[in-house]
Amino acid sequence: MGAADIVPGVSGGTIALIAGFYEELIETIDRLDFKFFKKWRENGFLKTWKEYNLSFLLALGLGVATSILLLAKVIENLLESHPILVWSFFFGLVLASIVYIIKQLERWNAAVVLSIILASLLAFGISTLNPLAETNSVWFLFFAGFIAIIAMILPGISGAFILLLLGAYQPVIGLLNQLNEGIAQGNFSLLMESIGKISVFLLGAAIGLKSFSRTLTWMFHHHKNITLAILTGFMIGALNKIWPWKEVLETRLNSKGIEVPFIEKSVLPGNFENDPQLTSAIICLVAGFLIIFILEKSATLKNTR
């Protein structure tokens, strides 16, 4: 989930859904409240910890945090050096995820089809929006965390892409890399600055996550089939964002002063101005597809034991 969440176009919620713990995740988050401390006093820490399923959240949170810290730089470099291959891999991931979620639909009717179409159009529309200019203010980081976390737990809507649209993607990735540099260099000033700003971002994310999880939990409990249809549509519409071959319409300078794509549009491999690397791209796409297939089979075996 952490690796997926830092890539603009791929949602960590997709990974959670495929791995089979998506509903448990949103229900566990929804149950979190300040009554925890009251129950702690009344029933003891261990019983309350178990009741709130906090071992699950702790393990998941540590995994996500570790992945983000370790892979932020790697994925950033890969996207700069091998963009077609990286996007092909993630295109295969999302394509397989769509197939998987469609298989979870219990019945097909007009409402399901309409939900898929409308959600696809909405996600496609979001994927074509032009990003805003970057900013690094504290209040903006809080707002970006609040908005992006909602997308991060929605399969098909990438939180990283929402950050990109808001102009907060590069500043957030920069803060993560700054945190790693502060730790590696033993630079206390750099470390505290990055921790402070990341904490503001995480506070916004925590409030946004708690606010939205209740809505998702209610939808899964009362309208699960329609909810899955909407999530499917989101993922279909998001395919445009992660299409590997793009024509650059406008560029920008990143935090390192390097010129990078800013506004792009999807094109066919034959219309791509450089080497489309078609064979390698297909191999990466198939690899991404197979990873989701293996995850699905693993989750199925786990649930049948």
Protein backbone atom coordinates (compact mmCIF):
# COMPACT_ATOMS: atom_id res chain seq x y z
CA MET A 1 0.00 0.00 0.00
CA GLY A 2 2.81 2.40 0.84
CA ALA A 3 4.56 1.78 -2.48
CA ALA A 4 1.31 2.29 -4.37
CA ASP A 5 0.36 5.44 -2.47
CA ILE A 6 3.48 7.37 -3.46
CA VAL A 7 2.92 6.80 -7.20
CA PRO A 8 0.61 9.33 -8.91
CA GLY A 9 -2.05 7.14 -10.54
CA VAL A 10 -2.07 4.06 -8.30
CA SER A 11 -4.17 3.78 -5.14
CA GLY A 12 -3.16 2.01 -1.95
CA GLY A 13 -6.87 1.24 -1.51
CA THR A 14 -6.62 -0.96 -4.61
CA ILE A 15 -3.95 -3.09 -2.94
CA ALA A 16 -6.03 -3.35 0.25
CA LEU A 17 -9.07 -4.45 -1.75
CA ILE A 18 -7.12 -7.09 -3.66
CA ALA A 19 -5.39 -8.36 -0.51
CA GLY A 20 -8.79 -8.87 1.10
CA PHE A 21 -8.63 -6.50 4.08
CA TYR A 22 -10.22 -3.33 2.65
CA GLU A 23 -13.48 -3.60 4.59
CA GLU A 24 -11.63 -4.48 7.79
CA LEU A 25 -9.46 -1.40 7.30
CA ILE A 26 -12.29 1.12 6.92
CA GLU A 27 -14.37 -0.50 9.69
CA THR A 28 -11.41 -0.45 12.10
CA ILE A 29 -10.74 3.21 11.34
CA ASP A 30 -14.44 4.03 11.74
CA ARG A 31 -14.52 2.43 15.23
CA LEU A 32 -11.64 4.57 16.50
CA ASP A 33 -12.84 7.27 18.90
CA PHE A 34 -11.99 8.90 22.23
CA LYS A 35 -14.02 6.25 24.07
CA PHE A 36 -10.86 4.14 23.74
CA PHE A 37 -9.38 5.85 26.83
CA LYS A 38 -12.55 5.34 28.87
CA LYS A 39 -12.68 1.65 27.97
CA TRP A 40 -8.97 1.39 28.70
CA ARG A 41 -9.60 2.53 32.28
CA GLU A 42 -12.63 0.24 32.68
CA ASN A 43 -11.49 -2.93 30.90
CA GLY A 44 -7.70 -2.71 30.81
CA PHE A 45 -5.30 -1.89 28.00
CA LEU A 46 -4.92 -5.31 26.36
CA LYS A 47 -8.67 -6.00 26.12
CA THR A 48 -9.34 -2.53 24.71
CA TRP A 49 -6.44 -2.84 22.27
CA LYS A 50 -7.91 -6.09 20.98
CA GLU A 51 -11.45 -4.69 20.83
CA TYR A 52 -10.31 -1.80 18.63
CA ASN A 53 -8.23 -4.14 16.41
CA LEU A 54 -5.17 -1.95 16.91
CA SER A 55 -2.66 -4.74 16.19
CA PHE A 56 -4.00 -4.78 12.64
CA LEU A 57 -3.68 -0.99 12.30
CA LEU A 58 -0.20 -0.95 13.86
CA ALA A 59 1.13 -3.66 11.53
CA LEU A 60 -0.43 -1.99 8.49
CA GLY A 61 0.74 1.49 9.51
CA LEU A 62 4.32 0.34 10.09
CA GLY A 63 4.34 -1.44 6.73
CA VAL A 64 3.04 1.61 4.88
CA ALA A 65 5.42 4.01 6.66
CA THR A 66 8.44 1.76 6.08
CA SER A 67 7.60 1.32 2.42
CA ILE A 68 7.11 5.05 1.85
CA LEU A 69 10.39 5.97 3.56
CA LEU A 70 12.39 3.27 1.78
CA LEU A 71 10.83 3.51 -1.67
CA ALA A 72 10.06 7.23 -2.09
CA LYS A 73 13.50 7.94 -3.56
CA VAL A 74 13.62 4.69 -5.58
CA ILE A 75 10.26 5.23 -7.27
CA GLU A 76 11.01 8.90 -7.86
CA ASN A 77 14.25 7.91 -9.67
CA LEU A 78 12.57 5.11 -11.62
CA LEU A 79 9.83 7.45 -12.83
CA GLU A 80 12.53 9.83 -14.07
CA SER A 81 14.72 7.19 -15.76
CA HIS A 82 12.21 4.52 -16.96
CA PRO A 83 8.76 6.13 -17.02
CA ILE A 84 7.22 3.91 -19.72
CA LEU A 85 8.23 0.68 -17.99
CA VAL A 86 7.10 1.86 -14.54
CA TRP A 87 3.72 3.09 -15.82
CA SER A 88 3.25 -0.13 -17.83
CA PHE A 89 3.81 -2.15 -14.66
CA PHE A 90 1.25 -0.11 -12.73
CA PHE A 91 -1.17 -0.19 -15.67
CA GLY A 92 -1.06 -4.00 -15.44
CA LEU A 93 -1.66 -3.79 -11.68
CA VAL A 94 -4.76 -1.63 -12.05
CA LEU A 95 -6.09 -3.58 -15.05
CA ALA A 96 -5.93 -6.83 -13.09
CA SER A 97 -7.51 -5.09 -10.10
CA ILE A 98 -10.49 -4.05 -12.24
CA VAL A 99 -10.99 -7.65 -13.35
CA TYR A 100 -10.79 -8.80 -9.74
CA ILE A 101 -13.35 -6.30 -8.41
CA ILE A 102 -15.78 -6.97 -11.27
CA LYS A 103 -15.72 -10.63 -10.21
CA GLN A 104 -16.83 -9.53 -6.70
CA LEU A 105 -20.08 -8.02 -8.00
CA GLU A 106 -22.94 -10.22 -6.83
CA ARG A 107 -25.43 -9.13 -9.49
CA TRP A 108 -25.68 -6.91 -12.55
CA ASN A 109 -28.50 -4.45 -13.11
CA ALA A 110 -29.08 -0.96 -14.53
CA ALA A 111 -27.97 0.73 -11.29
CA VAL A 112 -24.64 -1.16 -11.30
CA VAL A 113 -23.94 -0.32 -14.95
CA LEU A 114 -24.88 3.34 -14.43
CA SER A 115 -22.67 3.55 -11.32
CA ILE A 116 -19.69 2.17 -13.24
CA ILE A 117 -20.21 4.60 -16.13
CA LEU A 118 -20.65 7.69 -13.95
CA ALA A 119 -17.70 6.82 -11.67
CA SER A 120 -15.54 6.14 -14.75
CA LEU A 121 -16.41 9.52 -16.23
CA LEU A 122 -15.71 11.27 -12.92
CA ALA A 123 -12.32 9.59 -12.47
CA PHE A 124 -11.41 10.25 -16.12
CA GLY A 125 -12.35 13.91 -15.69
CA ILE A 126 -10.18 14.18 -12.58
CA SER A 127 -7.27 12.55 -14.43
CA THR A 128 -7.39 15.23 -17.15
CA LEU A 129 -7.28 18.21 -14.77
CA ASN A 130 -4.23 20.45 -14.86
CA PRO A 131 -2.10 20.53 -11.69
CA LEU A 132 -1.90 23.68 -9.58
CA ALA A 133 1.31 25.48 -8.78
CA GLU A 134 3.34 23.98 -5.92
CA THR A 135 3.25 25.45 -2.43
CA ASN A 136 4.82 24.44 0.86
CA SER A 137 2.86 26.39 3.50
CA VAL A 138 1.84 24.64 6.72
CA TRP A 139 -1.91 25.19 6.27
CA PHE A 140 -1.75 23.98 2.68
CA LEU A 141 0.06 20.80 3.78
CA PHE A 142 -2.76 20.16 6.29
CA PHE A 143 -5.40 20.65 3.58
CA ALA A 144 -3.48 18.45 1.12
CA GLY A 145 -3.25 15.65 3.70
CA PHE A 146 -6.99 15.90 4.43
CA ILE A 147 -7.95 15.63 0.74
CA ALA A 148 -5.31 13.16 -0.42
CA ILE A 149 -5.97 10.55 2.28
CA ILE A 150 -9.59 10.23 1.10
CA ALA A 151 -8.33 9.34 -2.35
CA MET A 152 -5.65 7.02 -0.97
CA ILE A 153 -8.25 4.70 0.56
CA LEU A 154 -10.50 4.80 -2.52
CA PRO A 155 -9.44 2.12 -5.01
CA GLY A 156 -8.82 3.73 -8.38
CA ILE A 157 -8.42 7.30 -7.10
CA SER A 158 -4.76 7.93 -6.38
CA GLY A 159 -3.93 10.06 -3.36
CA ALA A 160 -0.54 10.82 -4.88
CA PHE A 161 -2.25 12.08 -8.04
CA ILE A 162 -4.55 14.32 -5.96
CA LEU A 163 -1.39 15.71 -4.34
CA LEU A 164 -0.02 16.30 -7.83
CA LEU A 165 -3.19 18.16 -8.84
CA LEU A 166 -2.99 20.29 -5.70
CA GLY A 167 0.66 21.06 -6.32
CA ALA A 168 1.68 19.27 -3.11
CA TYR A 169 3.24 16.07 -4.51
CA GLN A 170 6.77 17.37 -4.97
CA PRO A 171 6.84 19.19 -1.60
CA VAL A 172 5.64 16.06 0.25
CA ILE A 173 8.12 13.76 -1.54
CA GLY A 174 10.78 16.38 -0.84
CA LEU A 175 9.93 16.35 2.87
CA LEU A 176 10.23 12.54 2.97
CA ASN A 177 13.61 12.66 1.29
CA GLN A 178 14.61 15.54 3.60
CA LEU A 179 13.68 13.36 6.59
CA ASN A 180 15.88 10.54 5.27
CA GLU A 181 18.75 12.98 4.69
CA GLY A 182 18.38 14.42 8.19
CA ILE A 183 18.60 10.93 9.70
CA ALA A 184 21.53 9.86 7.48
CA GLN A 185 23.53 13.06 8.05
CA GLY A 186 22.60 13.49 11.71
CA ASN A 187 21.35 16.98 10.87
CA PHE A 188 19.03 17.79 13.81
CA SER A 189 17.75 21.07 12.31
CA LEU A 190 16.84 19.45 8.99
CA LEU A 191 15.29 16.50 10.83
CA MET A 192 13.05 18.63 13.07
CA GLU A 193 11.91 20.83 10.18
CA SER A 194 10.86 17.83 8.11
CA ILE A 195 9.20 16.09 11.09
CA GLY A 196 7.20 19.23 11.90
CA LYS A 197 5.83 19.66 8.39
CA ILE A 198 5.19 15.94 7.90
CA SER A 199 3.28 15.92 11.22
CA VAL A 200 0.99 18.71 9.95
CA PHE A 201 0.37 16.72 6.76
CA LEU A 202 -0.34 13.54 8.78
CA LEU A 203 -2.73 15.41 11.10
CA GLY A 204 -4.77 16.52 8.10
CA ALA A 205 -4.67 12.96 6.77
CA ALA A 206 -5.84 11.48 10.09
CA ILE A 207 -8.81 13.86 10.31
CA GLY A 208 -9.74 13.25 6.66
CA LEU A 209 -9.44 9.49 7.07
CA LYS A 210 -11.65 9.40 10.15
CA SER A 211 -14.24 11.69 8.54
CA PHE A 212 -14.55 9.60 5.37
CA SER A 213 -14.26 6.08 6.78
CA ARG A 214 -17.76 6.25 8.33
CA THR A 215 -19.31 6.99 4.93
CA LEU A 216 -17.46 4.10 3.31
CA THR A 217 -18.38 1.70 6.13
CA TRP A 218 -22.06 2.61 5.81
CA MET A 219 -21.94 2.15 2.03
CA PHE A 220 -20.37 -1.30 2.33
CA HIS A 221 -22.91 -2.40 4.95
CA HIS A 222 -26.01 -1.13 3.12
CA HIS A 223 -25.11 -0.93 -0.58
CA LYS A 224 -22.09 -3.18 -1.10
CA ASN A 225 -22.81 -4.08 -4.73
CA ILE A 226 -23.27 -0.46 -5.79
CA THR A 227 -20.17 0.54 -3.80
CA LEU A 228 -18.07 -2.07 -5.61
CA ALA A 229 -19.49 -0.84 -8.92
CA ILE A 230 -18.49 2.75 -8.09
CA LEU A 231 -14.99 1.63 -7.08
CA THR A 232 -14.72 -0.31 -10.35
CA GLY A 233 -15.68 2.79 -12.29
CA PHE A 234 -13.10 4.88 -10.44
CA MET A 235 -10.39 2.42 -11.42
CA ILE A 236 -11.48 2.28 -15.08
CA GLY A 237 -11.46 6.07 -15.34
CA ALA A 238 -8.07 6.29 -13.65
CA LEU A 239 -6.43 4.16 -16.38
CA ASN A 240 -6.01 7.31 -18.46
CA LYS A 241 -3.67 8.79 -15.85
CA ILE A 242 -1.34 5.79 -15.81
CA TRP A 243 -1.30 5.14 -19.57
CA PRO A 244 2.43 4.68 -20.29
CA TRP A 245 2.70 6.75 -23.48
CA LYS A 246 2.22 10.49 -23.06
CA GLU A 247 2.75 13.58 -25.14
CA VAL A 248 4.20 16.40 -23.05
CA LEU A 249 2.22 19.62 -23.55
CA GLU A 250 3.91 21.69 -20.85
CA THR A 251 6.90 21.26 -18.52
CA ARG A 252 7.92 22.66 -15.14
CA LEU A 253 11.02 22.82 -12.95
CA ASN A 254 10.98 20.49 -9.92
CA SER A 255 12.57 21.22 -6.54
CA LYS A 256 15.98 20.20 -7.94
CA GLY A 257 15.71 22.65 -10.84
CA ILE A 258 15.22 19.81 -13.34
CA GLU A 259 12.68 20.23 -16.15
CA VAL A 260 9.93 17.58 -15.83
CA PRO A 261 6.52 17.00 -17.52
CA PHE A 262 3.69 19.13 -16.09
CA ILE A 263 0.73 18.72 -18.47
CA GLU A 264 0.47 15.60 -20.64
CA LYS A 265 -2.02 13.76 -22.82
CA SER A 266 -2.25 10.04 -23.62
CA VAL A 267 -1.19 8.89 -27.11
CA LEU A 268 -0.93 5.52 -28.87
CA PRO A 269 2.52 3.85 -28.86
CA GLY A 270 2.78 4.44 -32.61
CA ASN A 271 2.31 8.18 -32.09
CA PHE A 272 4.85 8.42 -29.28
CA GLU A 273 7.68 10.75 -30.30
CA ASN A 274 10.47 8.63 -28.77
CA ASP A 275 11.14 4.89 -28.56
CA PRO A 276 7.85 3.36 -27.23
CA GLN A 277 9.76 0.33 -25.80
CA LEU A 278 6.67 -1.72 -26.68
CA THR A 279 8.08 -5.19 -25.99
CA SER A 280 9.53 -4.22 -22.60
CA ALA A 281 6.34 -2.32 -21.73
CA ILE A 282 4.18 -5.37 -22.47
CA ILE A 283 6.43 -7.54 -20.29
CA CYS A 284 6.11 -5.06 -17.41
CA LEU A 285 2.34 -4.84 -17.90
CA VAL A 286 2.00 -8.63 -17.77
CA ALA A 287 4.23 -8.72 -14.67
CA GLY A 288 1.96 -6.20 -12.92
CA PHE A 289 -1.12 -8.18 -13.93
CA LEU A 290 0.38 -11.43 -12.63
CA ILE A 291 1.27 -9.88 -9.26
CA ILE A 292 -2.40 -9.03 -8.65
CA PHE A 293 -3.40 -12.50 -9.85
CA ILE A 294 -0.98 -14.07 -7.34
CA LEU A 295 -2.21 -11.76 -4.55
CA GLU A 296 -5.80 -12.74 -5.33
CA LYS A 297 -4.98 -16.45 -5.23
CA SER A 298 -3.03 -16.02 -1.97
CA ALA A 299 -5.93 -14.14 -0.36
CA THR A 300 -8.37 -16.84 -1.56
CA LEU A 301 -6.23 -19.62 -0.07
CA LYS A 302 -5.94 -17.70 3.21
CA ASN A 303 -9.71 -17.25 3.45
CA THR A 304 -10.42 -20.94 2.76
CA ARG A 305 -8.13 -22.22 5.53
